Amino acid sequence: MKADTVFDRILRRELPVRVVHEDQDVLAFHDAHPQAPVHVLVIPKKKVTSLDQLGELSAEEAGRFLQAVAAVARGLGLADSGYRVVINCGKDANQSVDYLHAHILGRRHMRWPPG
């Protein structure tokens, strides 16, 4: 069994979040420590530890996760000006929660290269 994370607790409604979007496959909510004017996290409801374990989801589940990321960004009004999607994978990438999640960052100019 995979260790319990803060995202498991959020899905069980044990911790409050400001929900942006929810459907049968994903939950999207505002980050508690935003790094941009818009900073939303999107998590699949079926637990996967990281992007490296994406194969644990079916192709349809993985596709719905990515489609939800794009739909949430559009719903936040970020499509015209642009946004960044970040998925950290592993300790060197600074993944702080062992649960696959995408960060949607927007409403500020992003620099390259990141990090």
C-alpha atoms as a PDB file:
ATOM      1  CA  MET A   1       0.000   0.000   0.000  1.00  0.00           C
ATOM      2  CA  LYS A   2       1.236   3.471  -0.878  1.00  0.00           C
ATOM      3  CA  ALA A   3       1.865   5.868   1.989  1.00  0.00           C
ATOM      4  CA  ASP A   4      -0.863   8.360   2.861  1.00  0.00           C
ATOM      5  CA  THR A   5      -0.198  11.897   1.582  1.00  0.00           C
ATOM      6  CA  VAL A   6      -1.693  15.327   2.000  1.00  0.00           C
ATOM      7  CA  PHE A   7      -3.507  14.781  -1.325  1.00  0.00           C
ATOM      8  CA  ASP A   8      -5.127  11.595   0.010  1.00  0.00           C
ATOM      9  CA  ARG A   9      -6.377  13.638   2.948  1.00  0.00           C
ATOM     10  CA  ILE A  10      -7.669  16.359   0.619  1.00  0.00           C
ATOM     11  CA  LEU A  11      -9.550  13.778  -1.465  1.00  0.00           C
ATOM     12  CA  ARG A  12     -11.127  12.405   1.734  1.00  0.00           C
ATOM     13  CA  ARG A  13     -12.128  16.006   2.606  1.00  0.00           C
ATOM     14  CA  GLU A  14     -10.060  15.919   5.791  1.00  0.00           C
ATOM     15  CA  LEU A  15      -8.249  19.108   4.731  1.00  0.00           C
ATOM     16  CA  PRO A  16      -9.971  22.139   3.235  1.00  0.00           C
ATOM     17  CA  VAL A  17      -9.004  23.424  -0.209  1.00  0.00           C
ATOM     18  CA  ARG A  18     -10.452  25.941  -2.651  1.00  0.00           C
ATOM     19  CA  VAL A  19     -11.715  23.629  -5.380  1.00  0.00           C
ATOM     20  CA  VAL A  20     -11.514  24.886  -8.961  1.00  0.00           C
ATOM     21  CA  HIS A  21     -12.756  21.744 -10.721  1.00  0.00           C
ATOM     22  CA  GLU A  22     -13.845  18.251  -9.786  1.00  0.00           C
ATOM     23  CA  ASP A  23     -15.150  15.352 -11.815  1.00  0.00           C
ATOM     24  CA  GLN A  24     -15.041  11.571 -11.490  1.00  0.00           C
ATOM     25  CA  ASP A  25     -11.352  11.425 -12.465  1.00  0.00           C
ATOM     26  CA  VAL A  26      -9.598  14.541 -11.129  1.00  0.00           C
ATOM     27  CA  LEU A  27      -9.610  17.231  -8.488  1.00  0.00           C
ATOM     28  CA  ALA A  28      -8.150  20.704  -9.115  1.00  0.00           C
ATOM     29  CA  PHE A  29      -7.582  23.223  -6.343  1.00  0.00           C
ATOM     30  CA  HIS A  30      -5.612  26.352  -5.496  1.00  0.00           C
ATOM     31  CA  ASP A  31      -2.112  25.751  -4.122  1.00  0.00           C
ATOM     32  CA  ALA A  32      -1.731  26.726  -0.467  1.00  0.00           C
ATOM     33  CA  HIS A  33       1.638  28.372  -1.252  1.00  0.00           C
ATOM     34  CA  PRO A  34       1.218  29.943  -4.701  1.00  0.00           C
ATOM     35  CA  GLN A  35       4.279  30.637  -6.838  1.00  0.00           C
ATOM     36  CA  ALA A  36       2.369  32.739  -9.383  1.00  0.00           C
ATOM     37  CA  PRO A  37      -0.796  34.864  -9.367  1.00  0.00           C
ATOM     38  CA  VAL A  38      -2.611  31.713 -10.501  1.00  0.00           C
ATOM     39  CA  HIS A  39      -1.269  28.442  -9.075  1.00  0.00           C
ATOM     40  CA  VAL A  40      -3.595  25.471  -9.226  1.00  0.00           C
ATOM     41  CA  LEU A  41      -2.829  21.800  -8.591  1.00  0.00           C
ATOM     42  CA  VAL A  42      -4.529  19.025 -10.534  1.00  0.00           C
ATOM     43  CA  ILE A  43      -4.463  15.463  -9.156  1.00  0.00           C
ATOM     44  CA  PRO A  44      -5.932  12.240 -10.478  1.00  0.00           C
ATOM     45  CA  LYS A  45      -8.354  10.596  -8.084  1.00  0.00           C
ATOM     46  CA  LYS A  46      -6.711   7.240  -8.767  1.00  0.00           C
ATOM     47  CA  LYS A  47      -3.447   7.440  -6.851  1.00  0.00           C
ATOM     48  CA  VAL A  48      -0.171   7.281  -8.742  1.00  0.00           C
ATOM     49  CA  THR A  49       3.068   8.142  -6.930  1.00  0.00           C
ATOM     50  CA  SER A  50       4.711  10.127  -9.731  1.00  0.00           C
ATOM     51  CA  LEU A  51       4.869  10.670 -13.461  1.00  0.00           C
ATOM     52  CA  ASP A  52       7.344   7.785 -13.565  1.00  0.00           C
ATOM     53  CA  GLN A  53       4.491   5.466 -12.538  1.00  0.00           C
ATOM     54  CA  LEU A  54       2.009   6.859 -15.067  1.00  0.00           C
ATOM     55  CA  GLY A  55       1.771   3.350 -16.528  1.00  0.00           C
ATOM     56  CA  GLU A  56      -0.307   2.389 -13.476  1.00  0.00           C
ATOM     57  CA  LEU A  57      -3.128   4.393 -15.060  1.00  0.00           C
ATOM     58  CA  SER A  58      -4.853   3.189 -18.198  1.00  0.00           C
ATOM     59  CA  ALA A  59      -4.241   5.206 -21.348  1.00  0.00           C
ATOM     60  CA  GLU A  60      -7.755   6.596 -20.971  1.00  0.00           C
ATOM     61  CA  GLU A  61      -7.169   7.640 -17.344  1.00  0.00           C
ATOM     62  CA  ALA A  62      -3.841   9.284 -18.208  1.00  0.00           C
ATOM     63  CA  GLY A  63      -5.463  11.067 -21.138  1.00  0.00           C
ATOM     64  CA  ARG A  64      -8.345  12.324 -19.014  1.00  0.00           C
ATOM     65  CA  PHE A  65      -5.842  13.648 -16.465  1.00  0.00           C
ATOM     66  CA  LEU A  66      -3.981  15.666 -19.117  1.00  0.00           C
ATOM     67  CA  GLN A  67      -7.209  16.804 -20.747  1.00  0.00           C
ATOM     68  CA  ALA A  68      -8.406  18.013 -17.346  1.00  0.00           C
ATOM     69  CA  VAL A  69      -5.201  20.027 -16.865  1.00  0.00           C
ATOM     70  CA  ALA A  70      -5.837  21.842 -20.156  1.00  0.00           C
ATOM     71  CA  ALA A  71      -9.551  22.313 -19.412  1.00  0.00           C
ATOM     72  CA  VAL A  72      -8.829  23.763 -15.967  1.00  0.00           C
ATOM     73  CA  ALA A  73      -6.295  26.201 -17.445  1.00  0.00           C
ATOM     74  CA  ARG A  74      -8.852  27.293 -20.052  1.00  0.00           C
ATOM     75  CA  GLY A  75     -11.484  27.632 -17.330  1.00  0.00           C
ATOM     76  CA  LEU A  76      -9.131  29.892 -15.386  1.00  0.00           C
ATOM     77  CA  GLY A  77      -8.868  32.157 -18.423  1.00  0.00           C
ATOM     78  CA  LEU A  78      -5.209  31.380 -19.065  1.00  0.00           C
ATOM     79  CA  ALA A  79      -5.384  30.087 -22.636  1.00  0.00           C
ATOM     80  CA  ASP A  80      -4.947  33.460 -24.378  1.00  0.00           C
ATOM     81  CA  SER A  81      -2.008  34.765 -22.354  1.00  0.00           C
ATOM     82  CA  GLY A  82      -0.371  31.373 -21.758  1.00  0.00           C
ATOM     83  CA  TYR A  83       0.483  29.267 -18.760  1.00  0.00           C
ATOM     84  CA  ARG A  84       3.039  26.738 -17.583  1.00  0.00           C
ATOM     85  CA  VAL A  85       2.316  23.182 -16.491  1.00  0.00           C
ATOM     86  CA  VAL A  86       4.911  21.625 -14.193  1.00  0.00           C
ATOM     87  CA  ILE A  87       5.039  17.993 -13.109  1.00  0.00           C
ATOM     88  CA  ASN A  88       7.939  17.334 -10.756  1.00  0.00           C
ATOM     89  CA  CYS A  89       9.177  13.741 -10.668  1.00  0.00           C
ATOM     90  CA  GLY A  90      11.493  12.606  -7.898  1.00  0.00           C
ATOM     91  CA  LYS A  91      13.671  14.286  -5.311  1.00  0.00           C
ATOM     92  CA  ASP A  92      16.056  16.013  -7.741  1.00  0.00           C
ATOM     93  CA  ALA A  93      13.034  17.661  -9.372  1.00  0.00           C
ATOM     94  CA  ASN A  94      11.797  18.767  -5.928  1.00  0.00           C
ATOM     95  CA  GLN A  95       8.685  16.562  -5.906  1.00  0.00           C
ATOM     96  CA  SER A  96       7.431  17.254  -2.382  1.00  0.00           C
ATOM     97  CA  VAL A  97       4.367  14.971  -2.327  1.00  0.00           C
ATOM     98  CA  ASP A  98       4.512  11.335  -3.458  1.00  0.00           C
ATOM     99  CA  TYR A  99       1.341  11.659  -5.517  1.00  0.00           C
ATOM    100  CA  LEU A 100       1.215  12.618  -9.200  1.00  0.00           C
ATOM    101  CA  HIS A 101       0.154  16.225  -9.545  1.00  0.00           C
ATOM    102  CA  ALA A 102       0.372  18.970 -12.137  1.00  0.00           C
ATOM    103  CA  HIS A 103       0.978  22.605 -11.245  1.00  0.00           C
ATOM    104  CA  ILE A 104      -0.777  25.138 -13.481  1.00  0.00           C
ATOM    105  CA  LEU A 105       1.011  28.490 -13.192  1.00  0.00           C
ATOM    106  CA  GLY A 106      -0.215  31.644 -14.865  1.00  0.00           C
ATOM    107  CA  ARG A 107      -0.807  35.383 -15.014  1.00  0.00           C
ATOM    108  CA  ARG A 108       2.880  36.250 -14.937  1.00  0.00           C
ATOM    109  CA  HIS A 109       5.716  36.051 -17.436  1.00  0.00           C
ATOM    110  CA  MET A 110       7.665  32.803 -17.058  1.00  0.00           C
ATOM    111  CA  ARG A 111      11.413  32.676 -17.546  1.00  0.00           C
ATOM    112  CA  TRP A 112      13.454  30.052 -19.342  1.00  0.00           C
ATOM    113  CA  PRO A 113      15.206  27.969 -18.377  1.00  0.00           C
ATOM    114  CA  PRO A 114      13.221  27.150 -15.251  1.00  0.00           C
ATOM    115  CA  GLY A 115      15.022  26.139 -12.062  1.00  0.00           C
END
